[in-house]
């Protein structure tokens, strides 16, 4: 087999990149180790920055998103017995976010790619990357018992934190930075109306809580819990009681509870790998960086990587500007570290790290300081809606 760009991983970043390149006449083959149903079964984030929304529209996969997604003009921070609204639209010159589940984004991009007749190979086993420091990189994989070789010009590693792409890079060629947080998020999905039409992030002496949503009848809630906790030890009743205890009184009183349809505990970590380009291999999204979900940046950072790689590849093929390929890593990492900082800050001021009263008072002072001025609120809003993409010229 031959293609121009081999894309490893059929999550939203791989699908989005493949669709954008395909629409520019650049041939791609998408390889995914799991089945389509498995990929769609992953429950992930649902807050899309405006830049991500525009990329999905450019990929012509936006019909359902624009029809059933929820545009949010703001969100609330709850702490010290009060609730402060961050007016995203008013503070950023009209920018907003879209609440639309990552599962739905993935489904829409799958359907768009299928409609274009582009090649996607699911359940590709034993994927291996070869010769990406040469001008003739290859990918081999096993499909239905047959070993297949895919020749390509470039490889995009969109296969996540545990994928083969980053693991294929020589150890002495990459540097990693990591912070693992000493707690997890216990999240549930329930067929209940959201407690609020906008997200609520809560700092409480018992720990962090988040009220989110997927639709008018599907809610997503989280509470901070010890990382060693087991899902089985959290009954629905225990979860709802704990969530109510951490919410403002009016929100707790109006919370509609019901059976959970999904429940899981997710660890939190910050992680960055540098650089993100190795010869003709480019790392994209979670393959290169992880953020704690507090700032809603995971999928959105992947989308900004896709934006950068899409444009440098487009200019390489259409305009002969192969020099721009060498700028990919630097372009991505400038935005990545700023998003890492914001996600770390949100995590650090909203979660309970210890019983130390001084630390807890500092958190409350920090939140009060930022929400007490237009400058502070604007800083939060600008980061939450997403910092602008850099122009690639």
Protein backbone atom coordinates (compact mmCIF):
# COMPACT_ATOMS: atom_id res chain seq x y z
CA UNK A 1 0.00 0.00 0.00
CA UNK A 2 1.00 3.59 -0.57
CA UNK A 3 -0.31 6.89 0.73
CA UNK A 4 0.94 10.41 1.33
CA UNK A 5 0.20 10.64 5.07
CA UNK A 6 -0.19 7.61 7.32
CA UNK A 7 -2.25 8.48 10.40
CA UNK A 8 -1.97 6.25 13.45
CA UNK A 9 -5.05 6.38 15.67
CA UNK A 10 -8.73 7.00 14.88
CA UNK A 11 -9.61 9.15 17.85
CA UNK A 12 -10.87 12.68 17.18
CA UNK A 13 -7.40 14.10 16.38
CA UNK A 14 -6.57 11.42 13.81
CA UNK A 15 -10.01 11.61 12.24
CA UNK A 16 -9.99 15.42 12.14
CA UNK A 17 -6.53 15.57 10.58
CA UNK A 18 -7.38 12.91 8.01
CA UNK A 19 -10.60 14.64 7.00
CA UNK A 20 -8.98 18.07 6.64
CA UNK A 21 -6.10 16.68 4.55
CA UNK A 22 -8.48 14.62 2.41
CA UNK A 23 -10.53 17.71 1.58
CA UNK A 24 -7.30 19.35 0.37
CA UNK A 25 -6.62 16.45 -1.99
CA UNK A 26 -3.90 14.94 0.21
CA UNK A 27 -4.20 11.15 0.40
CA UNK A 28 -4.31 9.56 3.86
CA UNK A 29 -4.71 6.09 5.33
CA UNK A 30 -6.01 5.88 8.88
CA UNK A 31 -4.92 2.94 11.07
CA UNK A 32 -6.64 2.08 14.35
CA UNK A 33 -5.89 -0.86 16.65
CA UNK A 34 -9.43 -1.06 18.05
CA UNK A 35 -12.87 -1.53 16.49
CA UNK A 36 -15.13 1.44 15.61
CA UNK A 37 -17.51 0.45 18.42
CA UNK A 38 -14.68 0.42 20.95
CA UNK A 39 -13.52 3.88 19.83
CA UNK A 40 -17.07 5.23 20.14
CA UNK A 41 -17.42 3.66 23.58
CA UNK A 42 -14.81 5.96 25.13
CA UNK A 43 -16.47 8.54 27.39
CA UNK A 44 -14.46 11.71 27.23
CA UNK A 45 -14.65 15.49 27.51
CA UNK A 46 -17.34 17.63 25.99
CA UNK A 47 -16.30 21.31 26.05
CA UNK A 48 -15.04 22.57 22.68
CA UNK A 49 -13.12 25.80 22.24
CA UNK A 50 -14.22 28.09 19.45
CA UNK A 51 -11.11 27.20 17.44
CA UNK A 52 -11.99 23.50 17.68
CA UNK A 53 -15.53 24.23 16.54
CA UNK A 54 -14.23 26.14 13.51
CA UNK A 55 -11.88 23.28 12.58
CA UNK A 56 -14.77 20.79 12.72
CA UNK A 57 -16.75 23.09 10.45
CA UNK A 58 -13.81 23.30 8.05
CA UNK A 59 -13.74 19.49 8.04
CA UNK A 60 -17.43 19.50 7.01
CA UNK A 61 -18.39 17.40 10.04
CA UNK A 62 -20.41 20.06 11.84
CA UNK A 63 -24.07 19.46 10.91
CA UNK A 64 -25.07 17.60 14.10
CA UNK A 65 -22.80 19.69 16.30
CA UNK A 66 -24.37 22.94 15.11
CA UNK A 67 -27.85 21.46 15.41
CA UNK A 68 -27.74 19.81 18.84
CA UNK A 69 -24.59 21.19 20.53
CA UNK A 70 -25.00 23.77 23.29
CA UNK A 71 -23.24 27.12 22.99
CA UNK A 72 -22.18 28.36 26.43
CA UNK A 73 -21.51 32.03 27.10
CA UNK A 74 -20.07 31.46 30.59
CA UNK A 75 -19.47 29.15 33.54
CA UNK A 76 -19.43 29.48 37.34
CA UNK A 77 -16.79 29.10 40.03
CA UNK A 78 -18.20 28.12 43.42
CA UNK A 79 -16.08 28.69 46.55
CA UNK A 80 -16.31 29.99 50.10
CA UNK A 81 -20.10 29.92 50.09
CA UNK A 82 -20.52 32.01 46.94
CA UNK A 83 -20.82 31.48 43.20
CA UNK A 84 -19.04 33.71 40.69
CA UNK A 85 -19.98 33.63 37.00
CA UNK A 86 -17.26 34.06 34.37
CA UNK A 87 -18.87 35.84 31.40
CA UNK A 88 -16.87 34.24 28.58
CA UNK A 89 -18.66 36.06 25.77
CA UNK A 90 -18.57 39.48 27.39
CA UNK A 91 -14.96 39.27 28.51
CA UNK A 92 -13.45 37.92 25.26
CA UNK A 93 -15.14 40.01 22.61
CA UNK A 94 -17.83 37.46 21.79
CA UNK A 95 -16.02 34.13 22.06
CA UNK A 96 -17.89 31.13 23.47
CA UNK A 97 -17.48 27.39 23.98
CA UNK A 98 -19.59 24.53 22.64
CA UNK A 99 -20.74 21.70 24.88
CA UNK A 100 -20.79 18.65 22.61
CA UNK A 101 -19.49 15.24 23.66
CA UNK A 102 -16.22 13.90 22.30
CA UNK A 103 -18.02 10.67 21.42
CA UNK A 104 -20.32 12.67 19.15
CA UNK A 105 -17.39 14.52 17.57
CA UNK A 106 -15.76 11.16 16.84
CA UNK A 107 -18.97 9.75 15.37
CA UNK A 108 -19.44 12.77 13.11
CA UNK A 109 -15.87 12.62 11.85
CA UNK A 110 -16.14 8.86 11.23
CA UNK A 111 -19.27 9.42 9.18
CA UNK A 112 -17.72 12.31 7.25
CA UNK A 113 -14.66 10.23 6.38
CA UNK A 114 -16.80 7.28 5.31
CA UNK A 115 -18.91 9.57 3.11
CA UNK A 116 -15.72 10.73 1.35
CA UNK A 117 -14.70 7.12 0.68
CA UNK A 118 -11.36 7.61 2.43
CA UNK A 119 -9.47 4.55 3.69
CA UNK A 120 -9.79 3.69 7.39
CA UNK A 121 -8.45 0.37 8.65
CA UNK A 122 -9.75 -0.67 12.07
CA UNK A 123 -8.45 -3.55 14.18
CA UNK A 124 -5.00 -3.12 12.67
CA UNK A 125 -2.76 -5.22 14.92
CA UNK A 126 0.96 -5.01 15.69
CA UNK A 127 1.37 -1.55 14.15
CA UNK A 128 5.07 -0.67 13.78
CA UNK A 129 6.74 2.48 12.50
CA UNK A 130 9.90 2.24 10.37
CA UNK A 131 12.48 4.54 8.80
CA UNK A 132 10.82 7.81 9.83
CA UNK A 133 14.20 9.52 9.96
CA UNK A 134 14.58 8.75 6.24
CA UNK A 135 12.70 10.16 3.24
CA UNK A 136 10.84 6.84 2.84
CA UNK A 137 9.02 6.07 6.09
CA UNK A 138 6.91 2.92 6.37
CA UNK A 139 4.27 1.49 8.65
CA UNK A 140 3.63 -2.23 8.96
CA UNK A 141 0.57 -3.81 10.53
CA UNK A 142 -1.35 -7.07 10.63
CA UNK A 143 -4.91 -7.21 9.34
CA UNK A 144 -6.89 -10.48 9.23
CA UNK A 145 -3.69 -12.44 9.75
CA UNK A 146 -1.84 -10.76 6.87
CA UNK A 147 1.16 -8.46 7.37
CA UNK A 148 0.76 -5.30 5.29
CA UNK A 149 3.32 -2.60 4.56
CA UNK A 150 2.18 0.98 4.08
CA UNK A 151 4.64 3.31 2.33
CA UNK A 152 4.13 7.02 2.96
CA UNK A 153 5.70 10.48 2.91
CA UNK A 154 4.88 11.34 6.53
CA UNK A 155 3.48 9.67 9.65
CA UNK A 156 1.11 11.41 12.08
CA UNK A 157 1.08 9.73 15.50
CA UNK A 158 -2.42 10.41 16.85
CA UNK A 159 -2.62 7.24 18.94
CA UNK A 160 -2.71 8.61 22.47
CA UNK A 161 -0.56 8.49 25.58
CA UNK A 162 -0.05 4.70 25.46
CA UNK A 163 0.24 4.42 21.67
CA UNK A 164 3.08 3.05 19.59
CA UNK A 165 4.06 6.38 17.99
CA UNK A 166 5.85 8.02 20.92
CA UNK A 167 7.19 4.63 22.03
CA UNK A 168 8.88 4.28 18.63
CA UNK A 169 11.04 7.36 19.19
CA UNK A 170 14.63 6.70 20.39
CA UNK A 171 14.82 7.42 24.14
CA UNK A 172 17.71 9.84 23.72
CA UNK A 173 15.76 11.92 21.19
CA UNK A 174 12.87 12.91 23.45
CA UNK A 175 12.48 14.64 26.79
CA UNK A 176 9.36 14.34 28.96
CA UNK A 177 7.93 16.49 31.74
CA UNK A 178 5.31 15.11 34.10
CA UNK A 179 3.31 15.84 37.22
CA UNK A 180 0.97 13.19 38.64
CA UNK A 181 -1.75 14.46 40.97
CA UNK A 182 -2.58 12.63 44.23
CA UNK A 183 -6.31 12.22 43.54
CA UNK A 184 -8.76 11.18 40.84
CA UNK A 185 -12.11 12.22 39.41
CA UNK A 186 -15.06 9.96 40.01
CA UNK A 187 -17.43 10.70 37.14
CA UNK A 188 -20.93 9.54 36.37
CA UNK A 189 -23.23 9.90 33.40
CA UNK A 190 -26.94 10.03 34.19
CA UNK A 191 -30.12 10.46 32.18
CA UNK A 192 -31.17 13.50 34.20
CA UNK A 193 -31.52 17.19 33.33
CA UNK A 194 -28.42 19.23 34.18
CA UNK A 195 -28.51 21.09 37.48
CA UNK A 196 -27.45 24.27 35.65
CA UNK A 197 -27.53 25.50 32.05
CA UNK A 198 -23.81 26.34 32.46
CA UNK A 199 -20.95 24.40 34.04
CA UNK A 200 -20.24 24.78 37.76
CA UNK A 201 -16.70 24.22 39.10
CA UNK A 202 -16.70 23.92 42.90
CA UNK A 203 -13.93 24.32 45.46
CA UNK A 204 -15.13 22.78 48.75
CA UNK A 205 -13.48 21.69 51.98
CA UNK A 206 -14.55 18.11 51.14
CA UNK A 207 -12.93 18.33 47.69
CA UNK A 208 -13.57 19.44 44.13
CA UNK A 209 -16.83 18.92 42.21
CA UNK A 210 -17.94 19.66 38.65
CA UNK A 211 -21.41 19.85 37.15
CA UNK A 212 -21.34 19.37 33.39
CA UNK A 213 -23.70 18.01 30.73
CA UNK A 214 -24.01 16.30 27.39
CA UNK A 215 -27.54 17.44 26.50
CA UNK A 216 -30.76 18.71 28.05
CA UNK A 217 -31.46 15.20 29.35
CA UNK A 218 -27.95 13.82 29.88
CA UNK A 219 -25.73 15.07 32.70
CA UNK A 220 -22.06 14.49 33.54
CA UNK A 221 -20.97 15.01 37.15
CA UNK A 222 -17.64 14.59 38.92
CA UNK A 223 -16.30 14.58 42.47
CA UNK A 224 -12.68 14.44 43.58
CA UNK A 225 -11.83 11.17 45.26
CA UNK A 226 -8.73 9.33 46.51
CA UNK A 227 -6.90 7.80 43.55
CA UNK A 228 -6.91 4.39 45.24
CA UNK A 229 -10.72 4.32 45.50
CA UNK A 230 -12.65 1.64 43.61
CA UNK A 231 -15.75 2.41 41.57
CA UNK A 232 -17.53 -0.48 43.31
CA UNK A 233 -17.29 1.35 46.63
CA UNK A 234 -19.26 4.28 45.26
CA UNK A 235 -22.97 3.55 45.10
CA UNK A 236 -25.15 6.01 43.23
CA UNK A 237 -26.62 7.16 46.54
CA UNK A 238 -23.18 7.83 47.99
CA UNK A 239 -22.15 9.77 44.89
CA UNK A 240 -25.24 12.00 44.88
CA UNK A 241 -24.91 12.72 48.60
CA UNK A 242 -21.27 13.70 48.17
CA UNK A 243 -21.99 15.88 45.14
CA UNK A 244 -24.78 17.72 46.96
CA UNK A 245 -22.52 18.37 49.93
CA UNK A 246 -19.97 20.13 47.68
CA UNK A 247 -22.36 22.29 45.66
CA UNK A 248 -23.84 25.70 46.48
CA UNK A 249 -27.10 25.36 48.43
CA UNK A 250 -29.36 26.43 45.56
CA UNK A 251 -27.71 24.01 43.13
CA UNK A 252 -27.84 21.14 45.63
CA UNK A 253 -31.54 21.79 46.25
CA UNK A 254 -32.39 21.68 42.53
CA UNK A 255 -30.19 18.67 41.63
CA UNK A 256 -32.18 15.92 39.91
CA UNK A 257 -30.72 12.49 40.70
CA UNK A 258 -31.16 9.13 39.01
CA UNK A 259 -29.41 5.87 38.15
CA UNK A 260 -25.94 6.23 36.65
CA UNK A 261 -25.46 4.77 33.17
CA UNK A 262 -21.65 5.05 33.33
CA UNK A 263 -19.29 5.44 36.26
CA UNK A 264 -15.51 5.59 36.30
CA UNK A 265 -12.50 7.00 38.15
CA UNK A 266 -9.92 8.88 36.10
CA UNK A 267 -6.40 9.74 37.28
CA UNK A 268 -5.06 13.26 36.73
CA UNK A 269 -1.66 14.08 35.29
CA UNK A 270 0.17 16.81 33.43
CA UNK A 271 2.58 15.53 30.77
CA UNK A 272 4.52 17.04 27.86
CA UNK A 273 6.97 15.41 25.45
CA UNK A 274 9.49 17.52 23.57
CA UNK A 275 10.03 17.79 20.67
CA UNK A 276 6.98 16.62 18.70
CA UNK A 277 8.70 16.02 15.36
CA UNK A 278 11.19 13.22 14.66
CA UNK A 279 12.27 13.13 11.05
CA UNK A 280 8.99 12.53 9.23
CA UNK A 281 7.04 11.45 12.30
CA UNK A 282 4.81 14.02 14.00
CA UNK A 283 3.21 13.47 17.40
CA UNK A 284 -0.31 14.85 17.78
CA UNK A 285 -2.57 15.24 20.81
CA UNK A 286 -2.31 12.84 23.75
CA UNK A 287 0.68 11.13 22.13
CA UNK A 288 2.64 14.26 23.06
CA UNK A 289 0.81 15.83 25.99
CA UNK A 290 -1.78 15.24 28.70
CA UNK A 291 -3.57 17.83 30.83
CA UNK A 292 -5.77 17.34 33.87
CA UNK A 293 -9.38 17.78 32.72
CA UNK A 294 -10.03 20.74 35.01
CA UNK A 295 -9.45 23.32 32.29
CA UNK A 296 -11.23 21.40 29.50
CA UNK A 297 -8.10 21.47 27.34
CA UNK A 298 -7.35 17.84 26.33
CA UNK A 299 -9.32 17.52 23.10
CA UNK A 300 -8.82 21.20 22.34
CA UNK A 301 -5.04 20.98 22.55
CA UNK A 302 -5.17 18.00 20.19
CA UNK A 303 -7.24 20.12 17.80
CA UNK A 304 -4.65 22.91 17.87
CA UNK A 305 -1.92 20.36 17.03
CA UNK A 306 -4.10 19.20 14.14
CA UNK A 307 -4.49 22.80 12.98
CA UNK A 308 -0.73 23.26 12.89
CA UNK A 309 0.10 19.95 11.21
CA UNK A 310 -2.72 20.31 8.69
CA UNK A 311 -1.46 23.71 7.58
CA UNK A 312 2.25 22.85 7.40
CA UNK A 313 1.47 19.68 5.40
CA UNK A 314 -0.93 21.55 3.13
CA UNK A 315 1.71 24.17 2.39
CA UNK A 316 4.38 21.49 1.90
CA UNK A 317 2.28 19.66 -0.70
CA UNK A 318 0.63 22.63 -2.41
CA UNK A 319 3.34 25.30 -2.17
CA UNK A 320 6.53 23.30 -1.73
CA UNK A 321 7.08 24.93 1.70
CA UNK A 322 8.75 21.97 3.38
CA UNK A 323 10.64 24.43 5.60
CA UNK A 324 7.48 24.93 7.63
CA UNK A 325 7.50 21.28 8.69
CA UNK A 326 10.46 22.04 10.95
CA UNK A 327 8.40 24.67 12.77
CA UNK A 328 5.64 22.23 13.79
CA UNK A 329 7.02 21.35 17.21
CA UNK A 330 7.77 24.93 18.22
CA UNK A 331 4.35 26.14 17.02
CA UNK A 332 2.56 23.48 19.03
CA UNK A 333 4.61 23.69 22.21
CA UNK A 334 4.12 27.43 22.71
CA UNK A 335 0.37 26.92 22.98
CA UNK A 336 0.66 23.58 24.81
CA UNK A 337 2.67 25.01 27.71
CA UNK A 338 0.21 27.89 28.13
CA UNK A 339 -2.68 25.44 28.23
CA UNK A 340 -0.72 23.21 30.63
CA UNK A 341 -0.26 26.24 32.88
CA UNK A 342 -3.98 27.07 32.85
CA UNK A 343 -5.01 23.46 33.50
CA UNK A 344 -2.47 23.24 36.34
CA UNK A 345 -3.77 26.53 37.80
CA UNK A 346 -7.41 25.43 37.66
CA UNK A 347 -6.46 22.14 39.27
CA UNK A 348 -4.35 23.78 41.96
CA UNK A 349 -7.01 26.26 43.12
CA UNK A 350 -10.05 23.96 42.97
CA UNK A 351 -8.89 20.66 44.48
CA UNK A 352 -8.16 19.61 48.03
CA UNK A 353 -4.51 18.58 48.23
CA UNK A 354 -4.28 18.15 52.00
CA UNK A 355 -5.88 19.10 55.31
CA UNK A 356 -3.48 22.02 55.66
CA UNK A 357 -5.63 25.05 56.56
CA UNK A 358 -3.05 27.54 55.23
CA UNK A 359 -3.11 25.98 51.75
CA UNK A 360 -6.89 26.01 51.71
CA UNK A 361 -6.99 29.70 52.68
CA UNK A 362 -4.51 30.52 49.90
CA UNK A 363 -6.77 28.76 47.38
CA UNK A 364 -9.77 30.82 48.49
CA UNK A 365 -7.74 34.03 48.39
CA UNK A 366 -6.54 33.17 44.88
CA UNK A 367 -10.07 32.53 43.63
CA UNK A 368 -11.38 35.67 45.32
CA UNK A 369 -8.55 37.74 43.85
CA UNK A 370 -9.11 36.56 40.27
CA UNK A 371 -12.90 36.87 40.37
CA UNK A 372 -12.90 40.31 42.05
CA UNK A 373 -11.58 42.26 39.05
CA UNK A 374 -12.28 42.52 35.35
CA UNK A 375 -8.61 41.80 34.66
CA UNK A 376 -8.70 38.55 36.65
CA UNK A 377 -11.96 37.36 35.13
CA UNK A 378 -10.67 38.21 31.66
CA UNK A 379 -7.53 36.12 32.23
CA UNK A 380 -9.68 33.13 33.16
CA UNK A 381 -12.08 33.69 30.26
CA UNK A 382 -9.37 34.12 27.61
CA UNK A 383 -7.74 30.86 28.62
CA UNK A 384 -11.00 28.94 28.94
CA UNK A 385 -12.31 29.83 25.46
CA UNK A 386 -8.87 29.02 24.05
CA UNK A 387 -5.88 31.12 23.14
CA UNK A 388 -5.74 32.04 19.44
CA UNK A 389 -4.04 29.81 16.91
CA UNK A 390 -0.86 31.12 15.35
CA UNK A 391 -0.90 32.03 11.68
CA UNK A 392 1.28 29.75 9.55
CA UNK A 393 2.77 31.65 6.64
